[in-house]
Amino acid sequence: MIERRVDALLAPWAGGRGPGVTIGVVLEGRLAVHRHAGLASVEHGVPIGPATRFRIASVSKQFTCAAILMLAAEGKLSLEEEARRYLPELPEYPQRVTVAHLMHNSSGIRDMLEIMRHGGADLGTPIRLQDLVDGICRQRTLNFTPGSRFLYSNSNFLLLGLIVERLSGQTLDDFLEARIFAPLGMRDTRVTQNVQAAIPNLATGYFPDDECGWVRAPHAFPLHGEGGLASSVQDLALWARNFTTRRIGAGWLDELARQTPFNNGTVNRYARGLVVRPYRWLETISHGGLWPGYRTEFLRVPAQEVTVIAISNSGASDPNLLAHQALDAVLEGRPGVHPVPALPGREALEKLAGRYLDPETGATLELAVSDRSKLTMTTNGLTVTAEATEDGRFASPRGSSVFALRAAGPDALEVEQDAGVVGIWRRVTPGSSLPEGLPGIYHSPEMATTWTVTEAEGKTCIRAAGPVVTGPLWELEPVQGDLFRVHVPGTLFRGWLDVRVLREGGRIAGLEASGGRVKRARYTRHEPDAAESPGRRGQS
């Protein structure tokens, strides 16, 4: 029965000429179901098979944390030690940032991918690993006090991977191969820092395209402890089996899912490279992966001895949804499992649709109703389909964000985020204009970037000149008063930055820009003859 349900989930990709999906279901440590549909290579007509490899992106993070826990068990590091002890090139932050903070995404260190995006570089821009490290080390400002909040940051896990290399004297790939992959027989799994390296049986990642049908997804950033693994369903099933057999890691394996409280005592869902969250009154332990053309979900339900693995080489697929639908098939008829809460009808959802503003931070949110009568939530350009919760709210289904909301009147939302932070967000009335006097030159030393704001043909735009490239024009959109959006089209989605004008004596003195993973980046206004563009290796 489970096989038929999984085959039904894969039906949209079966027999097609595009990329596809593979789903594995592990029951009591055994890969009981493994089905696939679609093509690993559209150009060559190669179908996805049992041994097809994919870039699993952030599902890699749990392996990096496993390496850290191994070193801690051997007395080679302390999780409560300041990260600078092992990486002295890190700046001296206002508060201590520990190894544990990195593992729990509670360090406050800004995300390296978004740092590069501020300077005009997208995931398809060729850069070096050192460019990412330099971007992290330029930051003198944290997103928040360490331990006080959760915010997903790839920087944390690159730094953890570098700590593994410093203390072990091995590359991260060699360490994981010797200590995890080889002992478990995971022959398809390796760290692939160079995304141009040829890897046998690796599926090509694709994006849908109106003209061509499918195009290869561009990606050129190097990968490391934050997302560098290529793997297969059958290998990830061996890793899932290890949670049952405990062939390796008997002394530290459970520590991967250990949650620690925030400074205020509330629980952080993000454990150590894994997310712990309820689903149908069961505790799930999971992580997703997103990289251009690749999407992954690794979903465990320990109490039921079930793991579901869903991987795709199509940027248009949703393995998170597919994995939960496959899990529903496994759980059907089992005792103690509650039904999935139903969403309200379309009429009720449409009353929520619109743009909302957090007056405290300047962050904006878009709510919309899809053709399938689902509520979608978009922050900084990233859209998710909301889940209904047991207490009547709407929540983000992904572990990379903690966001639950409900109506607080006809034009307001009560929004709860991580660490129990609750705020009232207000509906934005259309028709605002951009602040007057925006054109000029603005510079951020932390981003090593100069933004030039110009007006032409009725549009106001920013061009970013960063440490690697000069980017394309980004259009500005008014929100309310001194708040506006900067639209930053990217490889994965059309993102935006929420920007606030900073004033001194009424005149514009600077800008404060916040994205999904970099908060309150400051750009100081410069007179044209005083501005200096940073040195760059190339332009686009």
Protein backbone atom coordinates (compact mmCIF):
# COMPACT_ATOMS: atom_id res chain seq x y z
CA MET A 1 0.00 0.00 0.00
CA ILE A 2 2.79 2.43 0.87
CA GLU A 3 4.41 1.65 -2.49
CA ARG A 4 1.20 2.58 -4.32
CA ARG A 5 0.88 5.83 -2.39
CA VAL A 6 4.48 6.79 -3.16
CA ASP A 7 3.99 5.90 -6.84
CA ALA A 8 0.93 8.16 -6.87
CA LEU A 9 3.00 11.01 -5.43
CA LEU A 10 5.55 10.52 -8.22
CA ALA A 11 2.94 10.32 -11.00
CA PRO A 12 3.40 13.97 -12.15
CA TRP A 13 7.03 13.17 -13.05
CA ALA A 14 6.51 9.66 -14.46
CA GLY A 15 7.09 9.32 -18.19
CA GLY A 16 8.00 12.97 -18.61
CA ARG A 17 10.93 14.55 -20.37
CA GLY A 18 12.01 16.73 -17.48
CA PRO A 19 13.84 16.32 -14.18
CA GLY A 20 12.23 14.34 -11.41
CA VAL A 21 12.02 13.10 -7.86
CA THR A 22 13.16 10.11 -5.83
CA ILE A 23 11.53 9.04 -2.55
CA GLY A 24 12.77 6.51 -0.02
CA VAL A 25 10.94 5.22 3.07
CA VAL A 26 12.98 3.59 5.84
CA LEU A 27 11.01 1.39 8.26
CA GLU A 28 12.72 0.02 11.37
CA GLY A 29 16.13 0.66 9.84
CA ARG A 30 15.39 -0.93 6.44
CA LEU A 31 14.91 0.87 3.12
CA ALA A 32 11.45 -0.59 2.55
CA VAL A 33 10.35 1.62 -0.35
CA HIS A 34 12.50 3.38 -2.96
CA ARG A 35 10.79 4.84 -6.01
CA HIS A 36 11.84 7.41 -8.59
CA ALA A 37 10.48 9.21 -11.63
CA GLY A 38 11.88 11.69 -14.13
CA LEU A 39 15.31 12.28 -15.62
CA ALA A 40 18.69 12.75 -13.98
CA SER A 41 19.90 14.26 -17.28
CA VAL A 42 17.37 15.88 -19.57
CA GLU A 43 19.99 16.36 -22.29
CA HIS A 44 20.97 12.68 -22.41
CA GLY A 45 17.66 11.11 -21.41
CA VAL A 46 19.18 9.38 -18.39
CA PRO A 47 16.49 8.39 -15.87
CA ILE A 48 16.84 8.79 -12.13
CA GLY A 49 17.77 5.42 -10.62
CA PRO A 50 18.65 3.82 -7.26
CA ALA A 51 22.24 5.09 -7.29
CA THR A 52 21.56 8.61 -8.64
CA ARG A 53 23.37 11.25 -6.62
CA PHE A 54 22.11 14.73 -5.86
CA ARG A 55 23.45 17.79 -4.11
CA ILE A 56 21.67 17.57 -0.76
CA ALA A 57 22.65 21.11 0.32
CA SER A 58 21.75 21.89 3.94
CA VAL A 59 21.00 18.26 4.84
CA SER A 60 24.83 18.27 5.05
CA LYS A 61 24.68 20.34 8.24
CA GLN A 62 23.91 17.38 10.51
CA PHE A 63 27.08 15.64 9.31
CA THR A 64 29.19 18.70 10.07
CA CYS A 65 27.66 18.78 13.56
CA ALA A 66 28.35 15.05 13.93
CA ALA A 67 32.02 15.74 13.22
CA ILE A 68 32.05 18.48 15.89
CA LEU A 69 30.43 16.12 18.42
CA MET A 70 33.07 13.47 17.65
CA LEU A 71 35.87 15.93 18.36
CA ALA A 72 34.13 17.08 21.53
CA ALA A 73 33.76 13.47 22.73
CA GLU A 74 37.50 13.03 22.19
CA GLY A 75 38.28 16.12 24.28
CA LYS A 76 39.63 18.11 21.33
CA LEU A 77 37.15 20.97 21.74
CA SER A 78 34.47 22.29 24.05
CA LEU A 79 31.05 23.26 22.72
CA GLU A 80 30.91 26.11 25.24
CA GLU A 81 34.28 27.52 24.17
CA GLU A 82 34.36 30.73 22.16
CA ALA A 83 34.58 30.00 18.43
CA ARG A 84 37.48 32.48 18.13
CA ARG A 85 39.67 30.10 20.12
CA TYR A 86 39.64 27.72 17.15
CA LEU A 87 39.30 30.36 14.41
CA PRO A 88 41.33 33.37 15.59
CA GLU A 89 40.65 35.24 12.35
CA LEU A 90 37.08 35.85 13.54
CA PRO A 91 36.50 39.37 14.86
CA GLU A 92 36.02 40.03 18.55
CA TYR A 93 32.24 40.38 18.77
CA PRO A 94 30.51 42.45 21.47
CA GLN A 95 29.42 39.18 23.15
CA ARG A 96 30.89 35.67 23.25
CA VAL A 97 29.94 33.46 20.32
CA THR A 98 30.45 29.80 21.25
CA VAL A 99 30.71 26.64 19.17
CA ALA A 100 27.30 25.66 20.55
CA HIS A 101 25.80 28.92 19.27
CA LEU A 102 27.02 28.05 15.78
CA MET A 103 25.45 24.57 15.93
CA HIS A 104 22.07 25.90 17.07
CA ASN A 105 21.88 28.83 14.61
CA SER A 106 21.72 31.15 17.62
CA SER A 107 25.07 32.91 17.14
CA GLY A 108 23.71 36.05 15.48
CA ILE A 109 26.47 35.83 12.84
CA ARG A 110 25.17 37.10 9.51
CA ASP A 111 24.65 34.70 6.62
CA MET A 112 27.55 34.65 4.16
CA LEU A 113 25.36 34.13 1.08
CA GLU A 114 23.32 37.20 1.90
CA ILE A 115 26.48 39.20 2.66
CA MET A 116 27.65 38.43 -0.87
CA ARG A 117 24.21 39.29 -2.26
CA HIS A 118 24.48 42.78 -0.76
CA GLY A 119 27.49 43.25 -3.03
CA GLY A 120 25.73 42.14 -6.21
CA ALA A 121 26.94 38.51 -6.26
CA ASP A 122 24.37 35.77 -6.76
CA LEU A 123 24.83 31.98 -6.44
CA GLY A 124 25.79 31.82 -10.11
CA THR A 125 28.69 34.26 -9.62
CA PRO A 126 32.09 32.52 -9.52
CA ILE A 127 33.73 33.24 -6.16
CA ARG A 128 36.29 31.62 -3.87
CA LEU A 129 35.79 30.06 -0.45
CA GLN A 130 38.03 32.81 0.92
CA ASP A 131 35.54 35.42 -0.34
CA LEU A 132 32.91 33.86 1.92
CA VAL A 133 35.29 33.72 4.89
CA ASP A 134 36.34 37.33 4.31
CA GLY A 135 32.70 38.39 4.24
CA ILE A 136 32.05 36.73 7.60
CA CYS A 137 35.18 38.22 9.16
CA ARG A 138 34.32 41.77 8.03
CA GLN A 139 31.23 41.81 10.19
CA ARG A 140 31.47 43.74 13.44
CA THR A 141 27.72 43.65 14.04
CA LEU A 142 25.64 40.61 14.98
CA ASN A 143 22.02 40.09 14.04
CA PHE A 144 21.23 39.71 17.77
CA THR A 145 22.81 38.88 21.13
CA PRO A 146 24.14 35.29 20.92
CA GLY A 147 21.69 32.82 22.42
CA SER A 148 18.77 35.24 22.42
CA ARG A 149 17.20 34.36 19.04
CA PHE A 150 17.28 31.88 16.15
CA LEU A 151 18.19 32.94 12.64
CA TYR A 152 19.31 30.54 9.96
CA SER A 153 22.86 31.33 8.84
CA ASN A 154 25.05 29.26 6.54
CA SER A 155 28.06 31.07 7.99
CA ASN A 156 27.70 29.05 11.20
CA PHE A 157 28.27 25.76 9.44
CA LEU A 158 31.09 26.89 7.19
CA LEU A 159 32.85 27.96 10.40
CA LEU A 160 32.09 24.60 12.04
CA GLY A 161 33.55 22.80 9.01
CA LEU A 162 36.70 24.91 9.23
CA ILE A 163 36.99 24.08 12.94
CA VAL A 164 36.86 20.37 12.07
CA GLU A 165 39.68 20.86 9.57
CA ARG A 166 41.83 22.90 11.96
CA LEU A 167 41.55 20.42 14.82
CA SER A 168 41.73 17.18 12.83
CA GLY A 169 44.40 18.17 10.32
CA GLN A 170 42.19 16.67 7.58
CA THR A 171 39.85 18.11 5.01
CA LEU A 172 36.21 17.90 6.00
CA ASP A 173 35.69 15.40 3.17
CA ASP A 174 38.49 13.12 4.41
CA PHE A 175 37.31 13.34 8.02
CA LEU A 176 33.70 12.44 7.21
CA GLU A 177 34.76 9.71 4.79
CA ALA A 178 36.98 8.02 7.37
CA ARG A 179 34.72 8.47 10.38
CA ILE A 180 31.17 8.16 8.98
CA PHE A 181 30.79 7.37 5.30
CA ALA A 182 33.21 4.43 4.96
CA PRO A 183 32.16 2.70 8.23
CA LEU A 184 28.49 2.90 7.22
CA GLY A 185 29.08 1.89 3.58
CA MET A 186 27.90 5.26 2.24
CA ARG A 187 29.77 4.95 -1.06
CA ASP A 188 27.73 7.60 -2.89
CA THR A 189 28.41 10.39 -0.38
CA ARG A 190 31.20 12.95 -0.46
CA VAL A 191 31.89 16.62 0.19
CA THR A 192 32.12 18.49 -3.12
CA GLN A 193 33.57 21.93 -2.46
CA ASN A 194 34.18 22.59 -6.15
CA VAL A 195 30.77 22.65 -7.83
CA GLN A 196 32.44 22.23 -11.24
CA ALA A 197 34.00 18.87 -10.31
CA ALA A 198 32.71 15.89 -12.31
CA ILE A 199 30.88 13.43 -10.01
CA PRO A 200 29.75 10.03 -11.33
CA ASN A 201 25.97 9.51 -11.32
CA LEU A 202 25.27 13.11 -10.24
CA ALA A 203 21.92 14.38 -11.48
CA THR A 204 21.92 17.77 -13.16
CA GLY A 205 19.84 20.44 -11.43
CA TYR A 206 17.24 22.31 -13.51
CA PHE A 207 14.85 25.24 -13.39
CA PRO A 208 11.66 25.45 -15.48
CA ASP A 209 11.81 27.92 -18.36
CA ASP A 210 8.93 29.28 -20.44
CA GLU A 211 10.90 29.18 -23.71
CA CYS A 212 13.15 26.12 -23.32
CA GLY A 213 11.10 23.94 -21.01
CA TRP A 214 14.08 23.35 -18.71
CA VAL A 215 17.42 25.10 -18.22
CA ARG A 216 20.42 24.06 -16.18
CA ALA A 217 20.42 25.81 -12.81
CA PRO A 218 23.46 28.10 -12.51
CA HIS A 219 25.57 27.74 -9.38
CA ALA A 220 29.19 28.73 -8.82
CA PHE A 221 29.64 29.35 -5.08
CA PRO A 222 31.99 26.87 -3.37
CA LEU A 223 30.45 24.52 -0.81
CA HIS A 224 31.69 23.34 2.57
CA GLY A 225 30.25 22.41 5.98
CA GLU A 226 27.04 24.30 5.31
CA GLY A 227 25.93 22.31 2.27
CA GLY A 228 28.71 20.52 0.43
CA LEU A 229 27.49 16.91 0.32
CA ALA A 230 26.43 14.99 -2.76
CA SER A 231 24.59 11.81 -1.82
CA SER A 232 21.80 9.39 -2.75
CA VAL A 233 18.63 8.06 -1.17
CA GLN A 234 20.22 4.69 -0.54
CA ASP A 235 23.16 6.29 1.28
CA LEU A 236 20.94 8.55 3.38
CA ALA A 237 18.91 5.44 4.25
CA LEU A 238 22.13 3.92 5.68
CA TRP A 239 22.58 7.05 7.79
CA ALA A 240 18.96 6.77 8.95
CA ARG A 241 19.54 3.11 9.79
CA ASN A 242 22.46 4.12 12.00
CA PHE A 243 20.03 5.87 14.34
CA THR A 244 18.56 2.38 14.93
CA THR A 245 21.71 0.22 14.93
CA ARG A 246 24.11 2.82 16.43
CA ARG A 247 26.99 1.27 14.59
CA ILE A 248 28.81 4.57 15.00
CA GLY A 249 28.19 7.41 17.41
CA ALA A 250 26.55 5.52 20.28
CA GLY A 251 27.97 8.08 22.69
CA TRP A 252 27.01 11.23 20.79
CA LEU A 253 24.32 10.39 18.21
CA ASP A 254 21.40 11.54 20.36
CA GLU A 255 23.19 14.85 20.94
CA LEU A 256 22.44 15.85 17.35
CA ALA A 257 18.76 16.29 18.27
CA ARG A 258 19.40 17.95 21.63
CA GLN A 259 17.66 21.31 21.92
CA THR A 260 18.89 24.11 24.11
CA PRO A 261 16.83 27.01 25.45
CA PHE A 262 17.24 30.62 24.42
CA ASN A 263 18.49 33.12 26.97
CA ASN A 264 14.88 33.79 28.02
CA GLY A 265 14.19 30.09 28.65
CA THR A 266 12.03 29.35 25.60
CA VAL A 267 12.99 26.33 23.50
CA ASN A 268 14.99 26.61 20.29
CA ARG A 269 13.58 24.19 17.71
CA TYR A 270 16.90 24.13 15.90
CA ALA A 271 19.01 21.42 17.51
CA ARG A 272 22.39 20.62 15.93
CA GLY A 273 22.01 20.61 12.17
CA LEU A 274 18.49 19.22 12.67
CA VAL A 275 15.07 20.72 13.37
CA VAL A 276 12.79 19.26 16.06
CA ARG A 277 9.13 20.07 15.52
CA PRO A 278 5.70 18.45 16.02
CA TYR A 279 3.67 16.98 13.19
CA ARG A 280 0.31 15.34 13.85
CA TRP A 281 1.25 15.20 17.57
CA LEU A 282 4.42 13.28 16.80
CA GLU A 283 7.96 14.59 17.27
CA THR A 284 9.79 14.85 13.96
CA ILE A 285 13.52 15.43 13.46
CA SER A 286 14.34 16.76 10.04
CA HIS A 287 16.21 19.10 7.75
CA GLY A 288 15.67 20.37 4.25
CA GLY A 289 18.15 21.28 1.56
CA LEU A 290 17.90 23.96 -1.14
CA TRP A 291 20.46 24.71 -3.83
CA PRO A 292 19.93 25.86 -7.43
CA GLY A 293 18.17 22.97 -9.17
CA TYR A 294 18.24 20.65 -6.11
CA ARG A 295 15.79 20.23 -3.25
CA THR A 296 15.92 17.66 -0.42
CA GLU A 297 13.98 16.64 2.68
CA PHE A 298 15.31 14.23 5.34
CA LEU A 299 12.46 13.52 7.78
CA ARG A 300 12.63 11.18 10.80
CA VAL A 301 9.93 10.14 13.26
CA PRO A 302 11.92 8.25 15.91
CA ALA A 303 8.91 7.05 17.95
CA GLN A 304 7.52 5.35 14.83
CA GLU A 305 10.92 4.17 13.51
CA VAL A 306 10.19 5.89 10.21
CA THR A 307 12.41 8.01 7.99
CA VAL A 308 11.32 9.55 4.69
CA ILE A 309 13.87 10.89 2.20
CA ALA A 310 12.71 12.95 -0.78
CA ILE A 311 15.16 14.49 -3.27
CA SER A 312 14.61 16.31 -6.56
CA ASN A 313 16.71 17.84 -9.31
CA SER A 314 13.90 20.25 -10.20
CA GLY A 315 13.84 23.69 -8.64
CA ALA A 316 10.04 23.69 -9.07
CA SER A 317 9.39 20.65 -6.84
CA ASP A 318 8.55 20.55 -3.12
CA PRO A 319 10.23 17.57 -1.40
CA ASN A 320 9.15 18.90 2.01
CA LEU A 321 5.51 18.45 1.01
CA LEU A 322 6.19 15.11 -0.73
CA ALA A 323 8.03 13.73 2.31
CA HIS A 324 5.17 14.64 4.63
CA GLN A 325 2.62 13.14 2.22
CA ALA A 326 4.65 9.91 2.11
CA LEU A 327 4.83 10.00 5.91
CA ASP A 328 1.04 10.36 6.04
CA ALA A 329 0.77 7.13 4.04
CA VAL A 330 3.01 5.32 6.54
CA LEU A 331 1.15 6.66 9.57
CA GLU A 332 -2.32 5.84 8.27
CA GLY A 333 -4.16 3.73 10.82
CA ARG A 334 -1.46 3.90 13.47
CA PRO A 335 -2.66 4.77 16.99
CA GLY A 336 -1.89 8.12 18.61
CA VAL A 337 -1.62 10.00 15.33
CA HIS A 338 -3.82 13.07 14.96
CA PRO A 339 -5.21 14.27 11.62
CA VAL A 340 -3.62 17.23 9.86
CA PRO A 341 -5.53 20.39 10.89
CA ALA A 342 -7.64 21.72 8.03
CA LEU A 343 -7.22 25.20 6.61
CA PRO A 344 -10.24 27.52 6.59
CA GLY A 345 -12.15 28.06 3.35
CA ARG A 346 -11.02 30.39 0.60
CA GLU A 347 -13.32 33.23 1.66
CA ALA A 348 -11.76 33.34 5.13
CA LEU A 349 -8.24 33.18 3.73
CA GLU A 350 -8.84 36.00 1.26
CA LYS A 351 -9.67 38.33 4.15
CA LEU A 352 -6.06 37.90 5.32
CA ALA A 353 -4.47 38.56 1.92
CA GLY A 354 -2.34 41.67 1.62
CA ARG A 355 0.90 43.33 2.67
CA TYR A 356 1.78 43.72 6.34
CA LEU A 357 4.48 45.69 8.16
CA ASP A 358 6.19 45.10 11.48
CA PRO A 359 6.49 48.67 12.81
CA GLU A 360 9.24 47.64 15.22
CA THR A 361 11.69 46.28 12.64
CA GLY A 362 10.43 47.52 9.26
CA ALA A 363 10.06 43.90 8.03
CA THR A 364 7.28 43.24 5.52
CA LEU A 365 5.13 40.20 4.79
CA GLU A 366 2.91 39.27 1.86
CA LEU A 367 -0.08 36.96 2.36
CA ALA A 368 -1.87 35.57 -0.69
CA VAL A 369 -4.27 32.76 -1.59
CA SER A 370 -3.11 30.29 -4.24
CA ASP A 371 -5.19 28.76 -7.03
CA ARG A 372 -5.52 25.67 -4.80
CA SER A 373 -6.98 27.79 -1.95
CA LYS A 374 -3.80 27.57 0.12
CA LEU A 375 -2.44 30.50 2.11
CA THR A 376 1.05 31.53 1.02
CA MET A 377 3.43 33.57 3.19
CA THR A 378 6.29 35.54 1.61
CA THR A 379 9.10 37.25 3.52
CA ASN A 380 12.05 38.84 1.73
CA GLY A 381 10.89 37.13 -1.45
CA LEU A 382 10.85 33.54 -0.12
CA THR A 383 7.36 32.00 -0.40
CA VAL A 384 6.07 29.05 1.63
CA THR A 385 2.64 27.45 1.83
CA ALA A 386 1.27 27.86 5.33
CA GLU A 387 0.19 24.97 7.53
CA ALA A 388 -2.77 25.14 9.88
CA THR A 389 -1.83 24.53 13.51
CA GLU A 390 -3.73 22.84 16.32
CA ASP A 391 -4.38 26.22 17.99
CA GLY A 392 -5.93 27.80 14.88
CA ARG A 393 -2.92 29.70 13.58
CA PHE A 394 -1.01 29.57 10.27
CA ALA A 395 2.64 28.57 10.43
CA SER A 396 5.66 28.20 8.19
CA PRO A 397 6.27 24.51 7.41
CA ARG A 398 10.05 24.84 7.13
CA GLY A 399 12.68 24.67 9.81
CA SER A 400 14.66 27.56 8.35
CA SER A 401 12.03 29.98 9.66
CA VAL A 402 9.82 30.12 12.74
CA PHE A 403 6.69 32.07 11.93
CA ALA A 404 3.10 31.61 13.19
CA LEU A 405 0.29 34.11 12.76
CA ARG A 406 -3.40 34.79 13.17
CA ALA A 407 -5.73 37.72 12.57
CA ALA A 408 -5.72 40.46 15.22
CA GLY A 409 -8.54 42.50 13.73
CA PRO A 410 -9.42 43.32 10.11
CA ASP A 411 -6.09 45.01 9.35
CA ALA A 412 -3.60 43.44 11.73
CA LEU A 413 -1.85 40.14 12.45
CA GLU A 414 -0.47 38.70 15.66
CA VAL A 415 2.86 37.18 14.61
CA GLU A 416 4.92 34.89 16.81
CA GLN A 417 8.53 34.24 15.84
CA ASP A 418 11.41 32.39 17.48
CA ALA A 419 12.17 32.77 21.21
CA GLY A 420 8.50 33.53 21.84
CA VAL A 421 8.76 37.01 20.32
CA VAL A 422 5.23 38.24 19.54
CA GLY A 423 4.35 41.40 17.65
CA ILE A 424 1.41 43.06 15.93
CA TRP A 425 1.96 43.60 12.21
CA ARG A 426 -0.21 46.18 10.45
CA ARG A 427 -1.73 46.05 6.97
CA VAL A 428 -0.01 48.46 4.57
CA THR A 429 -2.23 50.81 2.62
CA PRO A 430 -1.21 51.04 -1.07
CA GLY A 431 -0.26 54.34 -2.67
CA SER A 432 2.90 55.38 -0.84
CA SER A 433 5.79 57.18 -2.55
CA LEU A 434 9.52 56.78 -2.10
CA PRO A 435 11.21 59.24 0.27
CA GLU A 436 12.47 62.35 -1.53
CA GLY A 437 16.19 62.85 -1.97
CA LEU A 438 17.20 59.17 -2.12
CA PRO A 439 19.61 59.38 -5.09
CA GLY A 440 23.20 59.34 -3.95
CA ILE A 441 26.08 57.09 -2.96
CA TYR A 442 26.00 54.89 0.14
CA HIS A 443 28.77 52.70 1.52
CA SER A 444 28.93 49.81 4.01
CA PRO A 445 32.37 48.73 5.28
CA GLU A 446 30.92 45.48 6.65
CA MET A 447 29.54 44.56 3.23
CA ALA A 448 32.58 46.09 1.46
CA THR A 449 29.95 47.48 -0.89
CA THR A 450 28.92 50.81 -2.37
CA TRP A 451 25.28 51.33 -3.40
CA THR A 452 24.55 54.00 -6.00
CA VAL A 453 20.92 55.14 -6.07
CA THR A 454 19.76 56.72 -9.32
CA GLU A 455 16.54 57.86 -10.98
CA ALA A 456 15.80 57.24 -14.64
CA GLU A 457 12.69 56.80 -16.79
CA GLY A 458 10.40 57.09 -13.79
CA LYS A 459 12.17 54.39 -11.76
CA THR A 460 14.51 54.57 -8.79
CA CYS A 461 17.18 51.88 -8.72
CA ILE A 462 20.29 50.75 -6.84
CA ARG A 463 23.44 49.34 -8.36
CA ALA A 464 25.70 47.49 -5.92
CA ALA A 465 29.48 47.51 -6.37
CA GLY A 466 30.82 44.81 -4.07
CA PRO A 467 34.12 43.03 -3.41
CA VAL A 468 33.65 40.60 -6.31
CA VAL A 469 31.31 42.15 -8.92
CA THR A 470 29.23 45.14 -9.83
CA GLY A 471 25.68 43.86 -9.89
CA PRO A 472 22.65 44.66 -12.06
CA LEU A 473 20.14 47.41 -11.33
CA TRP A 474 17.77 46.69 -8.45
CA GLU A 475 14.42 48.47 -8.45
CA LEU A 476 13.07 50.26 -5.38
CA GLU A 477 9.43 50.01 -4.27
CA PRO A 478 7.81 52.26 -1.64
CA VAL A 479 6.25 50.69 1.43
CA GLN A 480 5.37 53.42 3.90
CA GLY A 481 7.02 56.67 4.95
CA ASP A 482 10.80 56.17 5.16
CA LEU A 483 10.50 52.43 4.48
CA PHE A 484 10.94 50.83 1.08
CA ARG A 485 11.93 47.58 -0.59
CA VAL A 486 14.94 46.89 -2.77
CA HIS A 487 14.10 44.04 -5.14
CA VAL A 488 17.07 41.71 -5.60
CA PRO A 489 16.34 39.02 -8.24
CA GLY A 490 18.36 35.90 -7.56
CA THR A 491 18.99 32.39 -8.81
CA LEU A 492 16.63 30.77 -6.30
CA PHE A 493 13.90 33.40 -6.01
CA ARG A 494 13.13 37.08 -6.51
CA GLY A 495 14.18 38.40 -3.14
CA TRP A 496 13.84 41.79 -1.51
CA LEU A 497 15.52 43.79 1.22
CA ASP A 498 13.46 45.84 3.67
CA VAL A 499 15.20 49.22 3.90
CA ARG A 500 14.76 52.10 6.34
CA VAL A 501 16.04 55.63 5.72
CA LEU A 502 18.34 56.96 8.46
CA ARG A 503 18.12 60.71 9.03
CA GLU A 504 20.18 63.34 10.80
CA GLY A 505 18.50 66.70 11.25
CA GLY A 506 15.91 65.74 8.66
CA ARG A 507 18.40 64.98 5.87
CA ILE A 508 19.09 61.45 4.62
CA ALA A 509 22.33 60.28 6.29
CA GLY A 510 22.19 56.58 5.41
CA LEU A 511 20.20 53.43 4.86
CA GLU A 512 19.57 50.40 7.09
CA ALA A 513 18.87 47.22 5.10
CA SER A 514 17.47 43.95 6.46
CA GLY A 515 17.01 40.72 4.54
CA GLY A 516 16.05 37.26 5.69
CA ARG A 517 19.45 36.50 7.23
CA VAL A 518 21.31 39.82 7.47
CA LYS A 519 19.67 42.36 9.74
CA ARG A 520 20.32 46.09 10.04
CA ALA A 521 23.24 46.42 7.62
CA ARG A 522 24.16 50.11 7.61
CA TYR A 523 25.08 52.15 4.56
CA THR A 524 26.41 55.65 5.19
CA ARG A 525 25.70 58.35 2.63
CA HIS A 526 28.78 59.82 0.94
CA GLU A 527 29.26 62.87 -1.20
CA PRO A 528 30.04 61.77 -4.80
CA ASP A 529 33.66 62.94 -4.69
CA ALA A 530 34.31 61.17 -1.38
CA ALA A 531 32.97 57.76 -2.26
CA GLU A 532 35.38 54.99 -3.04
CA SER A 533 34.38 51.86 -4.89
CA PRO A 534 35.92 48.67 -3.48
CA GLY A 535 38.42 46.75 -5.58
CA ARG A 536 36.86 43.95 -7.61
CA ARG A 537 38.16 41.00 -9.53
CA GLY A 538 35.50 41.28 -12.24
CA GLN A 539 32.25 42.85 -13.26
CA SER A 540 28.95 41.58 -14.54
